[in-house]
């Protein structure tokens, strides 16, 4: 019944060519009585979003909320975007590699921000939309006017959200692919009246790409599914699942508390030690990173303000300056 009502409403709105706040209320009443969205409903919303150009702010909010609920929270594995979800999102949201609407792009970004982890190619796909906007003047721009060859405030904020999304390409750390995209964007908008925040974002993100590592390793979706099964497990002996965990926790004497976790504490300490060692090693710029930076900055023979800001930032923050970067340091 809900699907029938939704199809009738979306057909009417598609014919009208506009979605008003009252229409959003009607859609919400159909979608949320059972607090669950199925694939047919999700695809009906995407089709409506693609077909109607005049969409109110309330529609964008509902669209983002509903698609995030469906993809991140209601589909297995919960809280993760796996390869199958990623394939579905890209196929549903885009044509010829370009996202069809600004609300679809916003939904994609919000999904990456909300999920615990996602395939790197999904974040790369989202970043490619912003790159296309600047280089080609192509594709939707989040709540702003598309301007080829210029970085405006909306694009800076969108890039910031993508680069530091929880389920982004490097899970907060900046990957080489993201760094290359930022250089391409900077080259394309050199000399333009760019938003002042672009220089700061560029410098700090590129510095992060060579001076930090990700200290977070996302849980494999298969491991997450097993964890959920363990949490839900009901065992008559009371020794398995979450109930068994608390049973052992409150009946294990303090002197033997480590037996509760088995080798878990030692494994966790070893993992933390590895992360700390990697972070210390990453603070400096390696030979490979220095050569890559020097080549990228000097590729077009121009040393622009954003690149100068990057070198100044590295000079201040890096504990050691690589010889390959000294000419750039002097120039900055």
C-alpha atoms as a PDB file:
ATOM      1  CA  UNK A   1       0.000   0.000   0.000  1.00  0.00           C
ATOM      2  CA  UNK A   2       2.806   2.413   0.919  1.00  0.00           C
ATOM      3  CA  UNK A   3       4.607   1.750  -2.370  1.00  0.00           C
ATOM      4  CA  UNK A   4       1.401   2.349  -4.340  1.00  0.00           C
ATOM      5  CA  UNK A   5       0.753   5.638  -2.567  1.00  0.00           C
ATOM      6  CA  UNK A   6       4.364   6.735  -3.042  1.00  0.00           C
ATOM      7  CA  UNK A   7       4.355   5.910  -6.751  1.00  0.00           C
ATOM      8  CA  UNK A   8       1.136   7.873  -7.247  1.00  0.00           C
ATOM      9  CA  UNK A   9       2.535  10.877  -5.400  1.00  0.00           C
ATOM     10  CA  UNK A  10       5.896  10.828  -7.200  1.00  0.00           C
ATOM     11  CA  UNK A  11       4.124  10.549 -10.558  1.00  0.00           C
ATOM     12  CA  UNK A  12       2.043  13.628  -9.740  1.00  0.00           C
ATOM     13  CA  UNK A  13       5.095  15.625  -8.580  1.00  0.00           C
ATOM     14  CA  UNK A  14       7.106  14.598 -11.628  1.00  0.00           C
ATOM     15  CA  UNK A  15       4.319  15.819 -13.886  1.00  0.00           C
ATOM     16  CA  UNK A  16       4.100  19.085 -11.944  1.00  0.00           C
ATOM     17  CA  UNK A  17       7.859  19.618 -12.161  1.00  0.00           C
ATOM     18  CA  UNK A  18       8.121  20.991  -8.626  1.00  0.00           C
ATOM     19  CA  UNK A  19       8.244  19.806  -5.013  1.00  0.00           C
ATOM     20  CA  UNK A  20       6.814  22.125  -2.359  1.00  0.00           C
ATOM     21  CA  UNK A  21       7.078  21.835   1.462  1.00  0.00           C
ATOM     22  CA  UNK A  22       3.539  20.399   1.677  1.00  0.00           C
ATOM     23  CA  UNK A  23       4.542  17.686  -0.797  1.00  0.00           C
ATOM     24  CA  UNK A  24       7.507  16.779   1.422  1.00  0.00           C
ATOM     25  CA  UNK A  25       5.178  16.308   4.388  1.00  0.00           C
ATOM     26  CA  UNK A  26       3.062  13.960   2.281  1.00  0.00           C
ATOM     27  CA  UNK A  27       6.105  11.937   1.201  1.00  0.00           C
ATOM     28  CA  UNK A  28       7.349  11.694   4.792  1.00  0.00           C
ATOM     29  CA  UNK A  29       3.972  10.389   5.993  1.00  0.00           C
ATOM     30  CA  UNK A  30       4.144   7.599   3.421  1.00  0.00           C
ATOM     31  CA  UNK A  31       7.765   6.666   4.116  1.00  0.00           C
ATOM     32  CA  UNK A  32       8.096   6.680   7.864  1.00  0.00           C
ATOM     33  CA  UNK A  33       5.082   5.059   9.599  1.00  0.00           C
ATOM     34  CA  UNK A  34       7.001   1.760   9.789  1.00  0.00           C
ATOM     35  CA  UNK A  35      10.395   3.470  10.269  1.00  0.00           C
ATOM     36  CA  UNK A  36      11.770   1.396   7.402  1.00  0.00           C
ATOM     37  CA  UNK A  37      12.614   2.209   3.766  1.00  0.00           C
ATOM     38  CA  UNK A  38      12.858  -0.537   1.169  1.00  0.00           C
ATOM     39  CA  UNK A  39      14.820  -0.483  -2.084  1.00  0.00           C
ATOM     40  CA  UNK A  40      11.775   0.268  -4.241  1.00  0.00           C
ATOM     41  CA  UNK A  41      10.982   3.326  -2.119  1.00  0.00           C
ATOM     42  CA  UNK A  42      14.612   4.487  -2.163  1.00  0.00           C
ATOM     43  CA  UNK A  43      14.770   4.193  -5.949  1.00  0.00           C
ATOM     44  CA  UNK A  44      11.447   6.011  -6.313  1.00  0.00           C
ATOM     45  CA  UNK A  45      12.874   8.921  -4.294  1.00  0.00           C
ATOM     46  CA  UNK A  46      16.008   9.001  -6.441  1.00  0.00           C
ATOM     47  CA  UNK A  47      13.968   8.979  -9.652  1.00  0.00           C
ATOM     48  CA  UNK A  48      11.828  11.852  -8.368  1.00  0.00           C
ATOM     49  CA  UNK A  49      14.888  13.844  -7.303  1.00  0.00           C
ATOM     50  CA  UNK A  50      16.433  13.398 -10.753  1.00  0.00           C
ATOM     51  CA  UNK A  51      13.247  14.293 -12.630  1.00  0.00           C
ATOM     52  CA  UNK A  52      12.195  17.463 -10.800  1.00  0.00           C
ATOM     53  CA  UNK A  53      14.289  20.608 -11.025  1.00  0.00           C
ATOM     54  CA  UNK A  54      12.333  22.854  -8.640  1.00  0.00           C
ATOM     55  CA  UNK A  55      12.983  21.219  -5.277  1.00  0.00           C
ATOM     56  CA  UNK A  56      12.482  22.992  -1.950  1.00  0.00           C
ATOM     57  CA  UNK A  57      15.005  22.892   0.894  1.00  0.00           C
ATOM     58  CA  UNK A  58      12.701  20.584   2.852  1.00  0.00           C
ATOM     59  CA  UNK A  59      12.901  18.038   0.031  1.00  0.00           C
ATOM     60  CA  UNK A  60      16.686  18.025   0.091  1.00  0.00           C
ATOM     61  CA  UNK A  61      16.625  17.415   3.857  1.00  0.00           C
ATOM     62  CA  UNK A  62      14.204  14.497   3.536  1.00  0.00           C
ATOM     63  CA  UNK A  63      16.061  13.006   0.577  1.00  0.00           C
ATOM     64  CA  UNK A  64      19.400  13.066   2.404  1.00  0.00           C
ATOM     65  CA  UNK A  65      17.865  11.650   5.592  1.00  0.00           C
ATOM     66  CA  UNK A  66      15.993   8.855   3.841  1.00  0.00           C
ATOM     67  CA  UNK A  67      18.891   7.717   1.641  1.00  0.00           C
ATOM     68  CA  UNK A  68      21.310   7.755   4.581  1.00  0.00           C
ATOM     69  CA  UNK A  69      18.859   5.722   6.667  1.00  0.00           C
ATOM     70  CA  UNK A  70      18.420   3.201   3.880  1.00  0.00           C
ATOM     71  CA  UNK A  71      22.059   2.777   2.860  1.00  0.00           C
ATOM     72  CA  UNK A  72      23.920   3.164   6.154  1.00  0.00           C
ATOM     73  CA  UNK A  73      21.547   2.037   8.885  1.00  0.00           C
ATOM     74  CA  UNK A  74      18.960  -0.320   7.385  1.00  0.00           C
ATOM     75  CA  UNK A  75      20.998  -2.442   4.975  1.00  0.00           C
ATOM     76  CA  UNK A  76      23.476  -5.147   5.983  1.00  0.00           C
ATOM     77  CA  UNK A  77      26.228  -4.620   6.991  1.00  0.00           C
ATOM     78  CA  UNK A  78      24.799  -1.910   9.262  1.00  0.00           C
ATOM     79  CA  UNK A  79      26.875   1.301   9.525  1.00  0.00           C
ATOM     80  CA  UNK A  80      29.158   0.245   6.648  1.00  0.00           C
ATOM     81  CA  UNK A  81      29.058   0.896   2.917  1.00  0.00           C
ATOM     82  CA  UNK A  82      30.334  -2.241   1.207  1.00  0.00           C
ATOM     83  CA  UNK A  83      31.085  -2.809  -2.486  1.00  0.00           C
ATOM     84  CA  UNK A  84      27.475  -3.736  -3.294  1.00  0.00           C
ATOM     85  CA  UNK A  85      26.115  -0.572  -1.656  1.00  0.00           C
ATOM     86  CA  UNK A  86      28.766   1.500  -3.408  1.00  0.00           C
ATOM     87  CA  UNK A  87      27.836   0.038  -6.813  1.00  0.00           C
ATOM     88  CA  UNK A  88      24.168   0.784  -6.163  1.00  0.00           C
ATOM     89  CA  UNK A  89      24.818   4.385  -5.075  1.00  0.00           C
ATOM     90  CA  UNK A  90      26.978   5.219  -8.081  1.00  0.00           C
ATOM     91  CA  UNK A  91      24.543   3.622 -10.541  1.00  0.00           C
ATOM     92  CA  UNK A  92      21.517   5.307  -8.986  1.00  0.00           C
ATOM     93  CA  UNK A  93      22.982   8.778  -8.457  1.00  0.00           C
ATOM     94  CA  UNK A  94      24.909   9.300 -11.686  1.00  0.00           C
ATOM     95  CA  UNK A  95      24.881   9.217 -15.455  1.00  0.00           C
ATOM     96  CA  UNK A  96      28.124   9.003 -17.403  1.00  0.00           C
ATOM     97  CA  UNK A  97      30.185   9.456 -14.257  1.00  0.00           C
ATOM     98  CA  UNK A  98      28.390  12.659 -13.192  1.00  0.00           C
ATOM     99  CA  UNK A  99      26.017  12.938 -10.241  1.00  0.00           C
ATOM    100  CA  UNK A 100      22.652  14.145 -11.524  1.00  0.00           C
ATOM    101  CA  UNK A 101      21.615  16.617  -8.800  1.00  0.00           C
ATOM    102  CA  UNK A 102      23.006  18.706  -5.980  1.00  0.00           C
ATOM    103  CA  UNK A 103      20.820  16.866  -3.461  1.00  0.00           C
ATOM    104  CA  UNK A 104      22.216  13.523  -4.654  1.00  0.00           C
ATOM    105  CA  UNK A 105      25.751  14.843  -4.200  1.00  0.00           C
ATOM    106  CA  UNK A 106      24.866  16.095  -0.718  1.00  0.00           C
ATOM    107  CA  UNK A 107      23.340  12.697   0.134  1.00  0.00           C
ATOM    108  CA  UNK A 108      26.514  10.961  -1.040  1.00  0.00           C
ATOM    109  CA  UNK A 109      28.689  13.213   1.121  1.00  0.00           C
ATOM    110  CA  UNK A 110      26.417  12.721   4.143  1.00  0.00           C
ATOM    111  CA  UNK A 111      26.548   8.937   3.686  1.00  0.00           C
ATOM    112  CA  UNK A 112      30.365   9.082   3.712  1.00  0.00           C
ATOM    113  CA  UNK A 113      30.273  11.257   6.832  1.00  0.00           C
ATOM    114  CA  UNK A 114      27.846   8.925   8.614  1.00  0.00           C
ATOM    115  CA  UNK A 115      29.182   5.480   7.709  1.00  0.00           C
ATOM    116  CA  UNK A 116      32.026   3.889   9.629  1.00  0.00           C
ATOM    117  CA  UNK A 117      33.814   2.861   6.432  1.00  0.00           C
ATOM    118  CA  UNK A 118      33.282   2.723   2.674  1.00  0.00           C
ATOM    119  CA  UNK A 119      35.270   1.536  -0.369  1.00  0.00           C
ATOM    120  CA  UNK A 120      37.866   4.191  -1.307  1.00  0.00           C
ATOM    121  CA  UNK A 121      36.411   4.452  -4.820  1.00  0.00           C
ATOM    122  CA  UNK A 122      33.168   5.915  -3.447  1.00  0.00           C
ATOM    123  CA  UNK A 123      34.977   8.862  -1.848  1.00  0.00           C
ATOM    124  CA  UNK A 124      37.091   9.202  -5.003  1.00  0.00           C
ATOM    125  CA  UNK A 125      33.901   9.299  -7.075  1.00  0.00           C
ATOM    126  CA  UNK A 126      32.499  12.087  -4.877  1.00  0.00           C
ATOM    127  CA  UNK A 127      35.757  14.054  -5.054  1.00  0.00           C
ATOM    128  CA  UNK A 128      35.744  13.700  -8.838  1.00  0.00           C
ATOM    129  CA  UNK A 129      32.452  15.634  -8.909  1.00  0.00           C
ATOM    130  CA  UNK A 130      34.093  18.703  -7.362  1.00  0.00           C
ATOM    131  CA  UNK A 131      37.133  18.356  -9.593  1.00  0.00           C
ATOM    132  CA  UNK A 132      34.879  18.240 -12.656  1.00  0.00           C
ATOM    133  CA  UNK A 133      33.060  21.354 -11.470  1.00  0.00           C
ATOM    134  CA  UNK A 134      36.300  23.347 -11.290  1.00  0.00           C
ATOM    135  CA  UNK A 135      38.113  21.908 -14.310  1.00  0.00           C
ATOM    136  CA  UNK A 136      35.207  21.485 -16.714  1.00  0.00           C
ATOM    137  CA  UNK A 137      32.320  23.500 -15.306  1.00  0.00           C
ATOM    138  CA  UNK A 138      30.412  20.229 -15.339  1.00  0.00           C
ATOM    139  CA  UNK A 139      28.074  18.585 -12.823  1.00  0.00           C
ATOM    140  CA  UNK A 140      26.053  19.871  -9.894  1.00  0.00           C
ATOM    141  CA  UNK A 141      27.503  22.170  -7.251  1.00  0.00           C
ATOM    142  CA  UNK A 142      26.290  21.833  -3.698  1.00  0.00           C
ATOM    143  CA  UNK A 143      23.922  24.740  -2.971  1.00  0.00           C
ATOM    144  CA  UNK A 144      25.869  27.126  -5.139  1.00  0.00           C
ATOM    145  CA  UNK A 145      26.406  28.445  -8.638  1.00  0.00           C
ATOM    146  CA  UNK A 146      28.832  26.458 -10.726  1.00  0.00           C
ATOM    147  CA  UNK A 147      31.885  28.499 -11.709  1.00  0.00           C
ATOM    148  CA  UNK A 148      34.487  26.922 -13.894  1.00  0.00           C
ATOM    149  CA  UNK A 149      38.080  27.749 -12.956  1.00  0.00           C
ATOM    150  CA  UNK A 150      37.277  29.195  -9.537  1.00  0.00           C
ATOM    151  CA  UNK A 151      36.996  27.753  -6.028  1.00  0.00           C
ATOM    152  CA  UNK A 152      34.087  29.323  -4.170  1.00  0.00           C
ATOM    153  CA  UNK A 153      33.144  28.951  -0.510  1.00  0.00           C
ATOM    154  CA  UNK A 154      30.640  26.147  -1.203  1.00  0.00           C
ATOM    155  CA  UNK A 155      33.289  24.083  -2.999  1.00  0.00           C
ATOM    156  CA  UNK A 156      35.838  24.620  -0.213  1.00  0.00           C
ATOM    157  CA  UNK A 157      33.348  23.413   2.391  1.00  0.00           C
ATOM    158  CA  UNK A 158      32.331  20.434   0.264  1.00  0.00           C
ATOM    159  CA  UNK A 159      35.975  19.470  -0.234  1.00  0.00           C
ATOM    160  CA  UNK A 160      36.645  19.800   3.492  1.00  0.00           C
ATOM    161  CA  UNK A 161      33.735  17.486   4.302  1.00  0.00           C
ATOM    162  CA  UNK A 162      34.833  14.922   1.723  1.00  0.00           C
ATOM    163  CA  UNK A 163      38.478  14.905   2.759  1.00  0.00           C
ATOM    164  CA  UNK A 164      37.707  14.420   6.431  1.00  0.00           C
ATOM    165  CA  UNK A 165      34.598  12.233   6.232  1.00  0.00           C
ATOM    166  CA  UNK A 166      34.685   9.228   8.567  1.00  0.00           C
ATOM    167  CA  UNK A 167      34.278   6.876   5.597  1.00  0.00           C
ATOM    168  CA  UNK A 168      36.440   8.900   3.238  1.00  0.00           C
ATOM    169  CA  UNK A 169      39.238   7.521   1.070  1.00  0.00           C
ATOM    170  CA  UNK A 170      41.822   7.556   3.869  1.00  0.00           C
ATOM    171  CA  UNK A 171      39.452   7.632   6.834  1.00  0.00           C
ATOM    172  CA  UNK A 172      40.461  11.183   7.888  1.00  0.00           C
ATOM    173  CA  UNK A 173      44.071  10.838   6.671  1.00  0.00           C
ATOM    174  CA  UNK A 174      44.650  12.388   3.211  1.00  0.00           C
ATOM    175  CA  UNK A 175      45.539   9.811   0.555  1.00  0.00           C
ATOM    176  CA  UNK A 176      47.835  10.322  -2.417  1.00  0.00           C
ATOM    177  CA  UNK A 177      44.853  10.146  -4.788  1.00  0.00           C
ATOM    178  CA  UNK A 178      43.137  12.937  -2.852  1.00  0.00           C
ATOM    179  CA  UNK A 179      46.336  14.983  -2.785  1.00  0.00           C
ATOM    180  CA  UNK A 180      46.732  14.631  -6.563  1.00  0.00           C
ATOM    181  CA  UNK A 181      43.129  15.786  -7.040  1.00  0.00           C
ATOM    182  CA  UNK A 182      43.779  18.854  -4.869  1.00  0.00           C
ATOM    183  CA  UNK A 183      46.837  19.750  -6.947  1.00  0.00           C
ATOM    184  CA  UNK A 184      44.801  19.374 -10.163  1.00  0.00           C
ATOM    185  CA  UNK A 185      42.078  21.620  -8.752  1.00  0.00           C
ATOM    186  CA  UNK A 186      44.623  24.211  -7.612  1.00  0.00           C
ATOM    187  CA  UNK A 187      46.320  24.232 -11.029  1.00  0.00           C
ATOM    188  CA  UNK A 188      42.944  24.765 -12.722  1.00  0.00           C
ATOM    189  CA  UNK A 189      41.973  27.764 -10.574  1.00  0.00           C
ATOM    190  CA  UNK A 190      45.352  29.474 -10.388  1.00  0.00           C
ATOM    191  CA  UNK A 191      45.048  33.258 -10.602  1.00  0.00           C
ATOM    192  CA  UNK A 192      41.267  33.217 -10.113  1.00  0.00           C
ATOM    193  CA  UNK A 193      39.361  35.053  -7.399  1.00  0.00           C
ATOM    194  CA  UNK A 194      39.249  31.991  -5.167  1.00  0.00           C
ATOM    195  CA  UNK A 195      37.678  31.899  -1.732  1.00  0.00           C
ATOM    196  CA  UNK A 196      40.370  32.727   0.883  1.00  0.00           C
ATOM    197  CA  UNK A 197      39.666  29.471   2.725  1.00  0.00           C
ATOM    198  CA  UNK A 198      40.993  27.470  -0.236  1.00  0.00           C
ATOM    199  CA  UNK A 199      44.654  28.321   0.459  1.00  0.00           C
ATOM    200  CA  UNK A 200      44.377  27.172   4.080  1.00  0.00           C
ATOM    201  CA  UNK A 201      42.564  23.946   3.175  1.00  0.00           C
ATOM    202  CA  UNK A 202      45.036  23.134   0.398  1.00  0.00           C
ATOM    203  CA  UNK A 203      48.120  23.723   2.553  1.00  0.00           C
ATOM    204  CA  UNK A 204      46.918  21.760   5.568  1.00  0.00           C
ATOM    205  CA  UNK A 205      45.441  18.865   3.586  1.00  0.00           C
ATOM    206  CA  UNK A 206      48.602  18.432   1.484  1.00  0.00           C
ATOM    207  CA  UNK A 207      50.781  18.639   4.582  1.00  0.00           C
ATOM    208  CA  UNK A 208      48.599  15.984   6.195  1.00  0.00           C
ATOM    209  CA  UNK A 209      49.071  13.738   3.164  1.00  0.00           C
ATOM    210  CA  UNK A 210      52.829  13.526   3.776  1.00  0.00           C
ATOM    211  CA  UNK A 211      53.045  13.995   7.556  1.00  0.00           C
ATOM    212  CA  UNK A 212      50.291  11.793   8.992  1.00  0.00           C
ATOM    213  CA  UNK A 213      49.002   8.260   8.830  1.00  0.00           C
ATOM    214  CA  UNK A 214      45.580   6.971   9.618  1.00  0.00           C
ATOM    215  CA  UNK A 215      45.450   5.604  13.145  1.00  0.00           C
ATOM    216  CA  UNK A 216      42.087   4.002  12.482  1.00  0.00           C
ATOM    217  CA  UNK A 217      41.682   0.660  10.763  1.00  0.00           C
ATOM    218  CA  UNK A 218      38.041   0.109   9.816  1.00  0.00           C
ATOM    219  CA  UNK A 219      36.432  -3.139  10.885  1.00  0.00           C
ATOM    220  CA  UNK A 220      35.937  -5.546   8.021  1.00  0.00           C
ATOM    221  CA  UNK A 221      32.201  -5.788   7.224  1.00  0.00           C
ATOM    222  CA  UNK A 222      32.436  -9.558   7.649  1.00  0.00           C
ATOM    223  CA  UNK A 223      33.877  -9.073  11.125  1.00  0.00           C
ATOM    224  CA  UNK A 224      31.131  -6.590  11.865  1.00  0.00           C
ATOM    225  CA  UNK A 225      28.475  -9.112  10.833  1.00  0.00           C
ATOM    226  CA  UNK A 226      30.023 -11.707  13.161  1.00  0.00           C
ATOM    227  CA  UNK A 227      30.098  -9.148  15.988  1.00  0.00           C
ATOM    228  CA  UNK A 228      26.407  -8.411  15.498  1.00  0.00           C
ATOM    229  CA  UNK A 229      25.628 -12.130  15.532  1.00  0.00           C
ATOM    230  CA  UNK A 230      27.599 -12.514  18.772  1.00  0.00           C
ATOM    231  CA  UNK A 231      25.734  -9.613  20.388  1.00  0.00           C
ATOM    232  CA  UNK A 232      22.399 -11.159  19.412  1.00  0.00           C
ATOM    233  CA  UNK A 233      23.327 -14.733  20.375  1.00  0.00           C
ATOM    234  CA  UNK A 234      21.169 -16.360  23.045  1.00  0.00           C
ATOM    235  CA  UNK A 235      22.827 -19.277  24.832  1.00  0.00           C
ATOM    236  CA  UNK A 236      21.084 -21.333  27.563  1.00  0.00           C
ATOM    237  CA  UNK A 237      24.373 -21.693  29.466  1.00  0.00           C
ATOM    238  CA  UNK A 238      24.679 -17.930  29.750  1.00  0.00           C
ATOM    239  CA  UNK A 239      28.323 -18.026  28.663  1.00  0.00           C
ATOM    240  CA  UNK A 240      28.052 -16.794  25.061  1.00  0.00           C
ATOM    241  CA  UNK A 241      26.959 -13.518  23.510  1.00  0.00           C
ATOM    242  CA  UNK A 242      26.613 -10.210  25.349  1.00  0.00           C
ATOM    243  CA  UNK A 243      24.817 -11.786  28.310  1.00  0.00           C
ATOM    244  CA  UNK A 244      27.641 -14.277  28.766  1.00  0.00           C
ATOM    245  CA  UNK A 245      30.201 -11.472  28.570  1.00  0.00           C
ATOM    246  CA  UNK A 246      28.620  -9.595  31.475  1.00  0.00           C
ATOM    247  CA  UNK A 247      28.147 -12.871  33.379  1.00  0.00           C
ATOM    248  CA  UNK A 248      31.891 -13.542  33.142  1.00  0.00           C
ATOM    249  CA  UNK A 249      32.770  -9.924  33.864  1.00  0.00           C
ATOM    250  CA  UNK A 250      30.923  -9.846  37.176  1.00  0.00           C
ATOM    251  CA  UNK A 251      31.948 -13.360  38.275  1.00  0.00           C
ATOM    252  CA  UNK A 252      35.670 -13.152  37.389  1.00  0.00           C
ATOM    253  CA  UNK A 253      37.831 -12.288  40.432  1.00  0.00           C
ATOM    254  CA  UNK A 254      39.814  -9.027  40.027  1.00  0.00           C
ATOM    255  CA  UNK A 255      43.146 -10.878  40.274  1.00  0.00           C
ATOM    256  CA  UNK A 256      42.295 -12.924  37.193  1.00  0.00           C
ATOM    257  CA  UNK A 257      40.630 -10.110  35.261  1.00  0.00           C
ATOM    258  CA  UNK A 258      42.862 -10.567  32.231  1.00  0.00           C
ATOM    259  CA  UNK A 259      41.370 -14.003  31.706  1.00  0.00           C
ATOM    260  CA  UNK A 260      38.116 -12.257  30.865  1.00  0.00           C
ATOM    261  CA  UNK A 261      39.690 -10.820  27.743  1.00  0.00           C
ATOM    262  CA  UNK A 262      42.131 -13.613  26.908  1.00  0.00           C
ATOM    263  CA  UNK A 263      44.893 -12.191  24.723  1.00  0.00           C
ATOM    264  CA  UNK A 264      42.791  -9.137  23.871  1.00  0.00           C
ATOM    265  CA  UNK A 265      44.633  -6.679  26.105  1.00  0.00           C
ATOM    266  CA  UNK A 266      48.062  -7.732  24.830  1.00  0.00           C
ATOM    267  CA  UNK A 267      46.831  -7.486  21.218  1.00  0.00           C
ATOM    268  CA  UNK A 268      45.362  -4.046  21.860  1.00  0.00           C
ATOM    269  CA  UNK A 269      48.590  -2.804  23.454  1.00  0.00           C
ATOM    270  CA  UNK A 270      50.599  -4.140  20.507  1.00  0.00           C
ATOM    271  CA  UNK A 271      48.223  -2.445  18.059  1.00  0.00           C
ATOM    272  CA  UNK A 272      48.520   0.898  19.894  1.00  0.00           C
ATOM    273  CA  UNK A 273      52.300   0.623  19.896  1.00  0.00           C
ATOM    274  CA  UNK A 274      52.294   0.040  16.134  1.00  0.00           C
ATOM    275  CA  UNK A 275      50.027   3.047  15.546  1.00  0.00           C
ATOM    276  CA  UNK A 276      52.210   5.315  17.708  1.00  0.00           C
ATOM    277  CA  UNK A 277      55.361   4.176  15.893  1.00  0.00           C
ATOM    278  CA  UNK A 278      53.730   4.825  12.506  1.00  0.00           C
ATOM    279  CA  UNK A 279      52.622   8.288  13.609  1.00  0.00           C
ATOM    280  CA  UNK A 280      56.137   9.202  14.762  1.00  0.00           C
ATOM    281  CA  UNK A 281      57.615   7.949  11.503  1.00  0.00           C
ATOM    282  CA  UNK A 282      55.082   9.906   9.459  1.00  0.00           C
ATOM    283  CA  UNK A 283      55.867  13.264  11.083  1.00  0.00           C
ATOM    284  CA  UNK A 284      58.829  13.720   8.772  1.00  0.00           C
ATOM    285  CA  UNK A 285      58.650  13.875   4.979  1.00  0.00           C
ATOM    286  CA  UNK A 286      60.129  10.754   3.365  1.00  0.00           C
ATOM    287  CA  UNK A 287      62.400  10.680   0.308  1.00  0.00           C
ATOM    288  CA  UNK A 288      59.540   9.522  -1.912  1.00  0.00           C
ATOM    289  CA  UNK A 289      57.133  12.140  -0.531  1.00  0.00           C
ATOM    290  CA  UNK A 290      59.670  14.945  -0.941  1.00  0.00           C
ATOM    291  CA  UNK A 291      60.401  13.989  -4.555  1.00  0.00           C
ATOM    292  CA  UNK A 292      56.677  13.771  -5.300  1.00  0.00           C
ATOM    293  CA  UNK A 293      55.981  17.185  -3.741  1.00  0.00           C
ATOM    294  CA  UNK A 294      58.858  18.850  -5.583  1.00  0.00           C
ATOM    295  CA  UNK A 295      57.728  17.335  -8.895  1.00  0.00           C
ATOM    296  CA  UNK A 296      54.078  18.282  -8.391  1.00  0.00           C
ATOM    297  CA  UNK A 297      54.779  21.846  -7.325  1.00  0.00           C
ATOM    298  CA  UNK A 298      57.259  22.416 -10.124  1.00  0.00           C
ATOM    299  CA  UNK A 299      55.291  20.605 -12.828  1.00  0.00           C
ATOM    300  CA  UNK A 300      53.873  23.740 -14.454  1.00  0.00           C
ATOM    301  CA  UNK A 301      56.782  26.063 -13.581  1.00  0.00           C
ATOM    302  CA  UNK A 302      54.597  28.299 -11.410  1.00  0.00           C
ATOM    303  CA  UNK A 303      54.830  28.656  -7.636  1.00  0.00           C
ATOM    304  CA  UNK A 304      51.405  29.979  -6.658  1.00  0.00           C
ATOM    305  CA  UNK A 305      50.170  31.307  -3.269  1.00  0.00           C
ATOM    306  CA  UNK A 306      48.503  28.042  -2.229  1.00  0.00           C
ATOM    307  CA  UNK A 307      51.715  26.080  -2.896  1.00  0.00           C
ATOM    308  CA  UNK A 308      53.761  28.732  -1.076  1.00  0.00           C
ATOM    309  CA  UNK A 309      51.419  28.360   1.917  1.00  0.00           C
ATOM    310  CA  UNK A 310      51.956  24.583   1.826  1.00  0.00           C
ATOM    311  CA  UNK A 311      55.741  24.920   1.885  1.00  0.00           C
ATOM    312  CA  UNK A 312      55.625  27.477   4.713  1.00  0.00           C
ATOM    313  CA  UNK A 313      53.364  25.147   6.700  1.00  0.00           C
ATOM    314  CA  UNK A 314      55.742  22.202   6.177  1.00  0.00           C
ATOM    315  CA  UNK A 315      58.701  24.374   7.150  1.00  0.00           C
ATOM    316  CA  UNK A 316      56.979  25.217  10.435  1.00  0.00           C
ATOM    317  CA  UNK A 317      55.529  21.811  11.275  1.00  0.00           C
ATOM    318  CA  UNK A 318      57.934  19.205   9.902  1.00  0.00           C
ATOM    319  CA  UNK A 319      60.736  18.185  12.312  1.00  0.00           C
ATOM    320  CA  UNK A 320      63.219  17.802   9.445  1.00  0.00           C
ATOM    321  CA  UNK A 321      63.405  19.422   6.026  1.00  0.00           C
ATOM    322  CA  UNK A 322      64.265  17.086   3.174  1.00  0.00           C
ATOM    323  CA  UNK A 323      67.027  18.397   0.844  1.00  0.00           C
ATOM    324  CA  UNK A 324      64.736  18.047  -2.174  1.00  0.00           C
ATOM    325  CA  UNK A 325      62.429  20.622  -0.635  1.00  0.00           C
ATOM    326  CA  UNK A 326      65.041  23.210   0.390  1.00  0.00           C
ATOM    327  CA  UNK A 327      64.856  25.189  -2.905  1.00  0.00           C
ATOM    328  CA  UNK A 328      61.088  25.411  -2.466  1.00  0.00           C
ATOM    329  CA  UNK A 329      61.510  26.457   1.163  1.00  0.00           C
ATOM    330  CA  UNK A 330      63.860  29.248   0.136  1.00  0.00           C
ATOM    331  CA  UNK A 331      61.484  30.416  -2.581  1.00  0.00           C
ATOM    332  CA  UNK A 332      58.520  30.439  -0.175  1.00  0.00           C
END
